[in-house]
PDB file of all heavy atoms in Angstrom:
ATOM      1  N   GLY A   1     174.153  20.415 221.305  1.00  0.00           N
ATOM      2  CA  GLY A   1     175.369  19.811 221.808  1.00  0.00           C
ATOM      3  C   GLY A   1     175.142  18.842 222.954  1.00  0.00           C
ATOM      4  O   GLY A   1     176.062  18.103 223.341  1.00  0.00           O
ATOM      5  N   GLY A   2     173.940  18.820 223.482  1.00  0.00           N
ATOM      6  CA  GLY A   2     173.608  17.973 224.591  1.00  0.00           C
ATOM      7  C   GLY A   2     173.228  16.561 224.162  1.00  0.00           C
ATOM      8  O   GLY A   2     173.326  16.225 222.977  1.00  0.00           O
ATOM      9  N   SER A   3     172.810  15.770 225.136  1.00  0.00           N
ATOM     10  CA  SER A   3     172.487  14.356 224.891  1.00  0.00           C
ATOM     11  C   SER A   3     171.154  13.998 225.531  1.00  0.00           C
ATOM     12  O   SER A   3     170.730  14.594 226.527  1.00  0.00           O
ATOM     13  CB  SER A   3     173.584  13.450 225.484  1.00  0.00           C
ATOM     14  OG  SER A   3     174.820  13.655 224.903  1.00  0.00           O
ATOM     15  N   LEU A   4     170.525  13.009 224.931  1.00  0.00           N
ATOM     16  CA  LEU A   4     169.330  12.396 225.491  1.00  0.00           C
ATOM     17  C   LEU A   4     169.366  10.917 225.174  1.00  0.00           C
ATOM     18  O   LEU A   4     169.951  10.525 224.168  1.00  0.00           O
ATOM     19  CB  LEU A   4     168.029  12.986 224.877  1.00  0.00           C
ATOM     20  CG  LEU A   4     167.518  14.343 225.378  1.00  0.00           C
ATOM     21  CD1 LEU A   4     166.328  14.764 224.526  1.00  0.00           C
ATOM     22  CD2 LEU A   4     167.156  14.285 226.837  1.00  0.00           C
ATOM     23  N   ARG A   5     168.718  10.112 226.021  1.00  0.00           N
ATOM     24  CA  ARG A   5     168.554   8.703 225.699  1.00  0.00           C
ATOM     25  C   ARG A   5     167.062   8.373 225.722  1.00  0.00           C
ATOM     26  O   ARG A   5     166.400   8.535 226.738  1.00  0.00           O
ATOM     27  CB  ARG A   5     169.289   7.806 226.709  1.00  0.00           C
ATOM     28  CG  ARG A   5     169.259   6.355 226.256  1.00  0.00           C
ATOM     29  CD  ARG A   5     170.054   5.425 227.137  1.00  0.00           C
ATOM     30  NE  ARG A   5     169.325   5.019 228.332  1.00  0.00           N
ATOM     31  CZ  ARG A   5     169.560   3.885 228.991  1.00  0.00           C
ATOM     32  NH1 ARG A   5     170.517   3.067 228.567  1.00  0.00           N
ATOM     33  NH2 ARG A   5     168.876   3.574 230.063  1.00  0.00           N
ATOM     34  N   LEU A   6     166.609   7.927 224.567  1.00  0.00           N
ATOM     35  CA  LEU A   6     165.209   7.469 224.448  1.00  0.00           C
ATOM     36  C   LEU A   6     165.136   5.978 224.740  1.00  0.00           C
ATOM     37  O   LEU A   6     166.043   5.229 224.412  1.00  0.00           O
ATOM     38  CB  LEU A   6     164.685   7.760 223.053  1.00  0.00           C
ATOM     39  CG  LEU A   6     164.762   9.186 222.563  1.00  0.00           C
ATOM     40  CD1 LEU A   6     164.109   9.299 221.173  1.00  0.00           C
ATOM     41  CD2 LEU A   6     164.148  10.164 223.527  1.00  0.00           C
ATOM     42  N   SER A   7     164.019   5.590 225.320  1.00  0.00           N
ATOM     43  CA  SER A   7     163.758   4.176 225.591  1.00  0.00           C
ATOM     44  C   SER A   7     162.424   3.834 224.984  1.00  0.00           C
ATOM     45  O   SER A   7     161.538   4.674 224.893  1.00  0.00           O
ATOM     46  CB  SER A   7     163.719   3.907 227.110  1.00  0.00           C
ATOM     47  OG  SER A   7     164.930   4.204 227.727  1.00  0.00           O
ATOM     48  N   CYS A   8     162.292   2.574 224.612  1.00  0.00           N
ATOM     49  CA  CYS A   8     161.023   2.062 224.099  1.00  0.00           C
ATOM     50  C   CYS A   8     160.805   0.685 224.673  1.00  0.00           C
ATOM     51  O   CYS A   8     161.568  -0.238 224.403  1.00  0.00           O
ATOM     52  CB  CYS A   8     161.052   1.990 222.580  1.00  0.00           C
ATOM     53  SG  CYS A   8     159.619   1.173 221.863  1.00  0.00           S
ATOM     54  N   ALA A   9     159.772   0.589 225.520  1.00  0.00           N
ATOM     55  CA  ALA A   9     159.449  -0.694 226.164  1.00  0.00           C
ATOM     56  C   ALA A   9     158.389  -1.402 225.359  1.00  0.00           C
ATOM     57  O   ALA A   9     157.368  -0.809 224.984  1.00  0.00           O
ATOM     58  CB  ALA A   9     158.955  -0.427 227.578  1.00  0.00           C
ATOM     59  N   ALA A  10     158.641  -2.677 225.069  1.00  0.00           N
ATOM     60  CA  ALA A  10     157.737  -3.491 224.263  1.00  0.00           C
ATOM     61  C   ALA A  10     157.048  -4.542 225.119  1.00  0.00           C
ATOM     62  O   ALA A  10     157.640  -5.065 226.056  1.00  0.00           O
ATOM     63  CB  ALA A  10     158.470  -4.118 223.109  1.00  0.00           C
ATOM     64  N   SER A  11     155.815  -4.852 224.748  1.00  0.00           N
ATOM     65  CA  SER A  11     155.082  -5.946 225.388  1.00  0.00           C
ATOM     66  C   SER A  11     154.150  -6.561 224.382  1.00  0.00           C
ATOM     67  O   SER A  11     153.868  -5.980 223.341  1.00  0.00           O
ATOM     68  CB  SER A  11     154.295  -5.410 226.608  1.00  0.00           C
ATOM     69  OG  SER A  11     153.377  -4.441 226.207  1.00  0.00           O
ATOM     70  N   GLY A  12     153.684  -7.763 224.719  1.00  0.00           N
ATOM     71  CA  GLY A  12     152.711  -8.442 223.892  1.00  0.00           C
ATOM     72  C   GLY A  12     153.273  -9.502 222.957  1.00  0.00           C
ATOM     73  O   GLY A  12     152.518 -10.269 222.373  1.00  0.00           O
ATOM     74  N   ARG A  13     154.580  -9.561 222.875  1.00  0.00           N
ATOM     75  CA  ARG A  13     155.218 -10.550 221.996  1.00  0.00           C
ATOM     76  C   ARG A  13     156.635 -10.729 222.492  1.00  0.00           C
ATOM     77  O   ARG A  13     157.240  -9.807 223.059  1.00  0.00           O
ATOM     78  CB  ARG A  13     155.207 -10.072 220.545  1.00  0.00           C
ATOM     79  CG  ARG A  13     155.536 -11.163 219.548  1.00  0.00           C
ATOM     80  CD  ARG A  13     155.438 -10.621 218.136  1.00  0.00           C
ATOM     81  NE  ARG A  13     155.699 -11.643 217.120  1.00  0.00           N
ATOM     82  CZ  ARG A  13     154.775 -12.306 216.488  1.00  0.00           C
ATOM     83  NH1 ARG A  13     153.479 -12.065 216.739  1.00  0.00           N
ATOM     84  NH2 ARG A  13     155.085 -13.219 215.603  1.00  0.00           N
ATOM     85  N   THR A  14     157.210 -11.911 222.251  1.00  0.00           N
ATOM     86  CA  THR A  14     158.592 -12.137 222.625  1.00  0.00           C
ATOM     87  C   THR A  14     159.499 -11.115 221.945  1.00  0.00           C
ATOM     88  O   THR A  14     159.557 -11.062 220.705  1.00  0.00           O
ATOM     89  CB  THR A  14     159.035 -13.551 222.234  1.00  0.00           C
ATOM     90  OG1 THR A  14     158.168 -14.489 222.860  1.00  0.00           O
ATOM     91  CG2 THR A  14     160.467 -13.789 222.660  1.00  0.00           C
ATOM     92  N   PHE A  15     160.169 -10.301 222.756  1.00  0.00           N
ATOM     93  CA  PHE A  15     160.888  -9.170 222.219  1.00  0.00           C
ATOM     94  C   PHE A  15     161.983  -9.591 221.254  1.00  0.00           C
ATOM     95  O   PHE A  15     162.232  -8.922 220.241  1.00  0.00           O
ATOM     96  CB  PHE A  15     161.496  -8.346 223.381  1.00  0.00           C
ATOM     97  CG  PHE A  15     162.108  -7.075 222.966  1.00  0.00           C
ATOM     98  CD1 PHE A  15     161.359  -6.076 222.369  1.00  0.00           C
ATOM     99  CD2 PHE A  15     163.448  -6.830 223.201  1.00  0.00           C
ATOM    100  CE1 PHE A  15     161.922  -4.890 221.977  1.00  0.00           C
ATOM    101  CE2 PHE A  15     164.044  -5.642 222.808  1.00  0.00           C
ATOM    102  CZ  PHE A  15     163.271  -4.642 222.215  1.00  0.00           C
ATOM    103  N   SER A  16     162.622 -10.723 221.543  1.00  0.00           N
ATOM    104  CA  SER A  16     163.726 -11.160 220.652  1.00  0.00           C
ATOM    105  C   SER A  16     163.214 -11.669 219.310  1.00  0.00           C
ATOM    106  O   SER A  16     164.034 -11.961 218.448  1.00  0.00           O
ATOM    107  CB  SER A  16     164.551 -12.225 221.343  1.00  0.00           C
ATOM    108  OG  SER A  16     163.746 -13.348 221.663  1.00  0.00           O
ATOM    109  N   SER A  17     161.927 -11.713 219.112  1.00  0.00           N
ATOM    110  CA  SER A  17     161.386 -12.083 217.810  1.00  0.00           C
ATOM    111  C   SER A  17     161.160 -10.879 216.908  1.00  0.00           C
ATOM    112  O   SER A  17     160.691 -11.009 215.782  1.00  0.00           O
ATOM    113  CB  SER A  17     160.066 -12.839 217.967  1.00  0.00           C
ATOM    114  OG  SER A  17     159.034 -11.978 218.428  1.00  0.00           O
ATOM    115  N   LEU A  18     161.493  -9.692 217.432  1.00  0.00           N
ATOM    116  CA  LEU A  18     161.218  -8.453 216.733  1.00  0.00           C
ATOM    117  C   LEU A  18     162.512  -7.722 216.349  1.00  0.00           C
ATOM    118  O   LEU A  18     163.464  -7.679 217.133  1.00  0.00           O
ATOM    119  CB  LEU A  18     160.422  -7.489 217.619  1.00  0.00           C
ATOM    120  CG  LEU A  18     159.078  -8.008 218.152  1.00  0.00           C
ATOM    121  CD1 LEU A  18     158.539  -7.053 219.200  1.00  0.00           C
ATOM    122  CD2 LEU A  18     158.093  -8.188 217.025  1.00  0.00           C
ATOM    123  N   ALA A  19     162.515  -7.146 215.164  1.00  0.00           N
ATOM    124  CA  ALA A  19     163.495  -6.115 214.837  1.00  0.00           C
ATOM    125  C   ALA A  19     162.834  -4.786 215.229  1.00  0.00           C
ATOM    126  O   ALA A  19     161.646  -4.661 215.267  1.00  0.00           O
ATOM    127  CB  ALA A  19     163.837  -6.140 213.360  1.00  0.00           C
ATOM    128  N   MET A  20     163.691  -3.826 215.525  1.00  0.00           N
ATOM    129  CA  MET A  20     163.175  -2.553 216.026  1.00  0.00           C
ATOM    130  C   MET A  20     163.781  -1.373 215.248  1.00  0.00           C
ATOM    131  O   MET A  20     164.907  -1.440 214.763  1.00  0.00           O
ATOM    132  CB  MET A  20     163.518  -2.388 217.497  1.00  0.00           C
ATOM    133  CG  MET A  20     162.969  -3.487 218.400  1.00  0.00           C
ATOM    134  SD  MET A  20     161.165  -3.574 218.409  1.00  0.00           S
ATOM    135  CE  MET A  20     160.760  -2.012 219.175  1.00  0.00           C
ATOM    136  N   GLY A  21     163.012  -0.303 215.201  1.00  0.00           N
ATOM    137  CA  GLY A  21     163.505   0.890 214.526  1.00  0.00           C
ATOM    138  C   GLY A  21     163.063   2.138 215.241  1.00  0.00           C
ATOM    139  O   GLY A  21     162.140   2.109 216.057  1.00  0.00           O
ATOM    140  N   TRP A  22     163.754   3.226 214.973  1.00  0.00           N
ATOM    141  CA  TRP A  22     163.369   4.552 215.414  1.00  0.00           C
ATOM    142  C   TRP A  22     163.171   5.435 214.180  1.00  0.00           C
ATOM    143  O   TRP A  22     163.992   5.414 213.251  1.00  0.00           O
ATOM    144  CB  TRP A  22     164.459   5.177 216.301  1.00  0.00           C
ATOM    145  CG  TRP A  22     164.558   4.596 217.662  1.00  0.00           C
ATOM    146  CD1 TRP A  22     165.414   3.635 218.102  1.00  0.00           C
ATOM    147  CD2 TRP A  22     163.776   4.966 218.806  1.00  0.00           C
ATOM    148  NE1 TRP A  22     165.212   3.380 219.431  1.00  0.00           N
ATOM    149  CE2 TRP A  22     164.219   4.194 219.890  1.00  0.00           C
ATOM    150  CE3 TRP A  22     162.731   5.878 219.027  1.00  0.00           C
ATOM    151  CZ2 TRP A  22     163.657   4.297 221.179  1.00  0.00           C
ATOM    152  CZ3 TRP A  22     162.200   5.993 220.293  1.00  0.00           C
ATOM    153  CH2 TRP A  22     162.649   5.201 221.356  1.00  0.00           C
ATOM    154  N   PHE A  23     162.109   6.179 214.211  1.00  0.00           N
ATOM    155  CA  PHE A  23     161.816   7.175 213.187  1.00  0.00           C
ATOM    156  C   PHE A  23     161.528   8.494 213.882  1.00  0.00           C
ATOM    157  O   PHE A  23     161.334   8.546 215.096  1.00  0.00           O
ATOM    158  CB  PHE A  23     160.569   6.741 212.377  1.00  0.00           C
ATOM    159  CG  PHE A  23     160.832   5.653 211.403  1.00  0.00           C
ATOM    160  CD1 PHE A  23     161.012   4.327 211.850  1.00  0.00           C
ATOM    161  CD2 PHE A  23     160.880   5.883 210.047  1.00  0.00           C
ATOM    162  CE1 PHE A  23     161.254   3.310 210.954  1.00  0.00           C
ATOM    163  CE2 PHE A  23     161.109   4.860 209.146  1.00  0.00           C
ATOM    164  CZ  PHE A  23     161.300   3.566 209.589  1.00  0.00           C
ATOM    165  N   ARG A  24     161.503   9.562 213.096  1.00  0.00           N
ATOM    166  CA  ARG A  24     161.141  10.862 213.661  1.00  0.00           C
ATOM    167  C   ARG A  24     160.359  11.650 212.636  1.00  0.00           C
ATOM    168  O   ARG A  24     160.449  11.440 211.439  1.00  0.00           O
ATOM    169  CB  ARG A  24     162.410  11.633 214.075  1.00  0.00           C
ATOM    170  CG  ARG A  24     163.316  12.049 212.939  1.00  0.00           C
ATOM    171  CD  ARG A  24     164.603  12.646 213.505  1.00  0.00           C
ATOM    172  NE  ARG A  24     165.488  13.102 212.444  1.00  0.00           N
ATOM    173  CZ  ARG A  24     166.727  13.551 212.645  1.00  0.00           C
ATOM    174  NH1 ARG A  24     167.226  13.596 213.891  1.00  0.00           N
ATOM    175  NH2 ARG A  24     167.473  13.938 211.640  1.00  0.00           N
ATOM    176  N   GLN A  25     159.588  12.599 213.165  1.00  0.00           N
ATOM    177  CA  GLN A  25     158.782  13.435 212.308  1.00  0.00           C
ATOM    178  C   GLN A  25     158.767  14.852 212.877  1.00  0.00           C
ATOM    179  O   GLN A  25     158.309  15.081 214.000  1.00  0.00           O
ATOM    180  CB  GLN A  25     157.350  12.914 212.212  1.00  0.00           C
ATOM    181  CG  GLN A  25     156.518  13.648 211.184  1.00  0.00           C
ATOM    182  CD  GLN A  25     155.232  12.911 210.836  1.00  0.00           C
ATOM    183  OE1 GLN A  25     154.798  12.017 211.554  1.00  0.00           O
ATOM    184  NE2 GLN A  25     154.645  13.275 209.707  1.00  0.00           N
ATOM    185  N   ALA A  26     159.295  15.781 212.090  1.00  0.00           N
ATOM    186  CA  ALA A  26     159.301  17.198 212.444  1.00  0.00           C
ATOM    187  C   ALA A  26     158.028  17.847 211.891  1.00  0.00           C
ATOM    188  O   ALA A  26     157.442  17.338 210.916  1.00  0.00           O
ATOM    189  CB  ALA A  26     160.531  17.873 211.895  1.00  0.00           C
ATOM    190  N   PRO A  27     157.601  18.953 212.471  1.00  0.00           N
ATOM    191  CA  PRO A  27     156.395  19.632 211.977  1.00  0.00           C
ATOM    192  C   PRO A  27     156.485  19.947 210.505  1.00  0.00           C
ATOM    193  O   PRO A  27     157.503  20.497 210.040  1.00  0.00           O
ATOM    194  CB  PRO A  27     156.359  20.915 212.802  1.00  0.00           C
ATOM    195  CG  PRO A  27     157.089  20.558 214.063  1.00  0.00           C
ATOM    196  CD  PRO A  27     158.161  19.625 213.642  1.00  0.00           C
ATOM    197  N   GLY A  28     155.465  19.574 209.760  1.00  0.00           N
ATOM    198  CA  GLY A  28     155.405  19.881 208.321  1.00  0.00           C
ATOM    199  C   GLY A  28     156.262  18.985 207.462  1.00  0.00           C
ATOM    200  O   GLY A  28     156.341  19.196 206.247  1.00  0.00           O
ATOM    201  N   LYS A  29     156.857  17.969 208.073  1.00  0.00           N
ATOM    202  CA  LYS A  29     157.729  17.083 207.304  1.00  0.00           C
ATOM    203  C   LYS A  29     157.227  15.623 207.401  1.00  0.00           C
ATOM    204  O   LYS A  29     156.444  15.300 208.296  1.00  0.00           O
ATOM    205  CB  LYS A  29     159.155  17.147 207.804  1.00  0.00           C
ATOM    206  CG  LYS A  29     159.824  18.518 207.592  1.00  0.00           C
ATOM    207  CD  LYS A  29     161.306  18.455 207.929  1.00  0.00           C
ATOM    208  CE  LYS A  29     161.973  19.772 207.603  1.00  0.00           C
ATOM    209  NZ  LYS A  29     163.441  19.709 207.888  1.00  0.00           N
ATOM    210  N   GLU A  30     157.712  14.802 206.481  1.00  0.00           N
ATOM    211  CA  GLU A  30     157.332  13.395 206.511  1.00  0.00           C
ATOM    212  C   GLU A  30     158.119  12.658 207.579  1.00  0.00           C
ATOM    213  O   GLU A  30     159.211  13.097 207.993  1.00  0.00           O
ATOM    214  CB  GLU A  30     157.604  12.769 205.139  1.00  0.00           C
ATOM    215  CG  GLU A  30     156.692  13.281 204.051  1.00  0.00           C
ATOM    216  CD  GLU A  30     156.843  12.496 202.783  1.00  0.00           C
ATOM    217  OE1 GLU A  30     157.724  11.648 202.709  1.00  0.00           O
ATOM    218  OE2 GLU A  30     156.074  12.772 201.826  1.00  0.00           O
ATOM    219  N   ARG A  31     157.582  11.547 208.029  1.00  0.00           N
ATOM    220  CA  ARG A  31     158.283  10.709 208.981  1.00  0.00           C
ATOM    221  C   ARG A  31     159.543  10.152 208.305  1.00  0.00           C
ATOM    222  O   ARG A  31     159.493   9.706 207.155  1.00  0.00           O
ATOM    223  CB  ARG A  31     157.388   9.564 209.450  1.00  0.00           C
ATOM    224  CG  ARG A  31     157.914   8.813 210.623  1.00  0.00           C
ATOM    225  CD  ARG A  31     156.850   7.883 211.186  1.00  0.00           C
ATOM    226  NE  ARG A  31     155.700   8.629 211.719  1.00  0.00           N
ATOM    227  CZ  ARG A  31     154.762   8.096 212.448  1.00  0.00           C
ATOM    228  NH1 ARG A  31     154.810   6.794 212.785  1.00  0.00           N
ATOM    229  NH2 ARG A  31     153.751   8.837 212.871  1.00  0.00           N
ATOM    230  N   GLU A  32     160.671  10.227 209.013  1.00  0.00           N
ATOM    231  CA  GLU A  32     161.917   9.765 208.408  1.00  0.00           C
ATOM    232  C   GLU A  32     162.623   8.745 209.293  1.00  0.00           C
ATOM    233  O   GLU A  32     162.529   8.755 210.521  1.00  0.00           O
ATOM    234  CB  GLU A  32     162.867  10.951 208.145  1.00  0.00           C
ATOM    235  CG  GLU A  32     163.352  11.665 209.360  1.00  0.00           C
ATOM    236  CD  GLU A  32     164.423  12.704 209.039  1.00  0.00           C
ATOM    237  OE1 GLU A  32     164.798  12.857 207.862  1.00  0.00           O
ATOM    238  OE2 GLU A  32     164.914  13.342 209.991  1.00  0.00           O
ATOM    239  N   PHE A  33     163.336   7.869 208.653  1.00  0.00           N
ATOM    240  CA  PHE A  33     164.099   6.822 209.319  1.00  0.00           C
ATOM    241  C   PHE A  33     165.275   7.431 210.092  1.00  0.00           C
ATOM    242  O   PHE A  33     165.941   8.347 209.627  1.00  0.00           O
ATOM    243  CB  PHE A  33     164.630   5.848 208.257  1.00  0.00           C
ATOM    244  CG  PHE A  33     165.624   4.857 208.799  1.00  0.00           C
ATOM    245  CD1 PHE A  33     165.220   3.795 209.596  1.00  0.00           C
ATOM    246  CD2 PHE A  33     166.973   4.991 208.473  1.00  0.00           C
ATOM    247  CE1 PHE A  33     166.131   2.880 210.065  1.00  0.00           C
ATOM    248  CE2 PHE A  33     167.882   4.078 208.937  1.00  0.00           C
ATOM    249  CZ  PHE A  33     167.500   3.026 209.743  1.00  0.00           C
ATOM    250  N   VAL A  34     165.501   6.872 211.287  1.00  0.00           N
ATOM    251  CA  VAL A  34     166.633   7.293 212.114  1.00  0.00           C
ATOM    252  C   VAL A  34     167.621   6.144 212.292  1.00  0.00           C
ATOM    253  O   VAL A  34     168.812   6.261 211.988  1.00  0.00           O
ATOM    254  CB  VAL A  34     166.165   7.791 213.479  1.00  0.00           C
ATOM    255  CG1 VAL A  34     167.368   8.123 214.382  1.00  0.00           C
ATOM    256  CG2 VAL A  34     165.265   9.033 213.340  1.00  0.00           C
ATOM    257  N   ALA A  35     167.132   5.001 212.795  1.00  0.00           N
ATOM    258  CA  ALA A  35     168.023   3.888 213.080  1.00  0.00           C
ATOM    259  C   ALA A  35     167.197   2.597 213.192  1.00  0.00           C
ATOM    260  O   ALA A  35     165.975   2.656 213.464  1.00  0.00           O
ATOM    261  CB  ALA A  35     168.780   4.123 214.376  1.00  0.00           C
ATOM    262  N   ALA A  36     167.857   1.463 213.008  1.00  0.00           N
ATOM    263  CA  ALA A  36     167.193   0.171 213.135  1.00  0.00           C
ATOM    264  C   ALA A  36     168.179  -0.853 213.679  1.00  0.00           C
ATOM    265  O   ALA A  36     169.403  -0.697 213.528  1.00  0.00           O
ATOM    266  CB  ALA A  36     166.623  -0.290 211.785  1.00  0.00           C
ATOM    267  N   ILE A  37     167.643  -1.906 214.270  1.00  0.00           N
ATOM    268  CA  ILE A  37     168.473  -2.928 214.856  1.00  0.00           C
ATOM    269  C   ILE A  37     167.789  -4.274 214.703  1.00  0.00           C
ATOM    270  O   ILE A  37     166.585  -4.410 214.890  1.00  0.00           O
ATOM    271  CB  ILE A  37     168.749  -2.602 216.350  1.00  0.00           C
ATOM    272  CG1 ILE A  37     169.763  -3.553 216.957  1.00  0.00           C
ATOM    273  CG2 ILE A  37     167.441  -2.577 217.163  1.00  0.00           C
ATOM    274  CD1 ILE A  37     170.283  -3.078 218.326  1.00  0.00           C
ATOM    275  N   ARG A  38     168.570  -5.308 214.368  1.00  0.00           N
ATOM    276  CA  ARG A  38     168.035  -6.638 214.250  1.00  0.00           C
ATOM    277  C   ARG A  38     167.783  -7.263 215.613  1.00  0.00           C
ATOM    278  O   ARG A  38     168.175  -6.715 216.628  1.00  0.00           O
ATOM    279  CB  ARG A  38     168.985  -7.521 213.434  1.00  0.00           C
ATOM    280  CG  ARG A  38     169.034  -7.151 211.975  1.00  0.00           C
ATOM    281  CD  ARG A  38     169.914  -8.111 211.221  1.00  0.00           C
ATOM    282  NE  ARG A  38     169.876  -7.832 209.770  1.00  0.00           N
ATOM    283  CZ  ARG A  38     170.586  -8.481 208.868  1.00  0.00           C
ATOM    284  NH1 ARG A  38     171.402  -9.450 209.255  1.00  0.00           N
ATOM    285  NH2 ARG A  38     170.478  -8.171 207.604  1.00  0.00           N
ATOM    286  N   TRP A  39     167.138  -8.397 215.611  1.00  0.00           N
ATOM    287  CA  TRP A  39     166.665  -9.009 216.859  1.00  0.00           C
ATOM    288  C   TRP A  39     167.800  -9.256 217.873  1.00  0.00           C
ATOM    289  O   TRP A  39     167.618  -9.092 219.056  1.00  0.00           O
ATOM    290  CB  TRP A  39     165.937 -10.333 216.556  1.00  0.00           C
ATOM    291  CG  TRP A  39     166.874 -11.390 216.072  1.00  0.00           C
ATOM    292  CD1 TRP A  39     167.327 -11.606 214.802  1.00  0.00           C
ATOM    293  CD2 TRP A  39     167.481 -12.407 216.879  1.00  0.00           C
ATOM    294  NE1 TRP A  39     168.172 -12.673 214.771  1.00  0.00           N
ATOM    295  CE2 TRP A  39     168.302 -13.189 216.014  1.00  0.00           C
ATOM    296  CE3 TRP A  39     167.432 -12.732 218.215  1.00  0.00           C
ATOM    297  CZ2 TRP A  39     169.019 -14.271 216.473  1.00  0.00           C
ATOM    298  CZ3 TRP A  39     168.166 -13.812 218.703  1.00  0.00           C
ATOM    299  CH2 TRP A  39     168.954 -14.571 217.816  1.00  0.00           C
ATOM    300  N   SER A  40     168.971  -9.636 217.360  1.00  0.00           N
ATOM    301  CA  SER A  40     170.077  -9.965 218.260  1.00  0.00           C
ATOM    302  C   SER A  40     170.893  -8.737 218.667  1.00  0.00           C
ATOM    303  O   SER A  40     171.727  -8.831 219.569  1.00  0.00           O
ATOM    304  CB  SER A  40     170.995 -10.958 217.579  1.00  0.00           C
ATOM    305  OG  SER A  40     171.615 -10.345 216.461  1.00  0.00           O
TER     306      SER A  40
END
């Protein structure tokens, strides 16, 4: 029922040239898609 905010800091390339995504992987399971966002 609680909340958390994850952050991901990027470097090495102009950030606005990248689309970004979040995935997750639980023990014994495959990595799964969570969310994605376009450059803008």
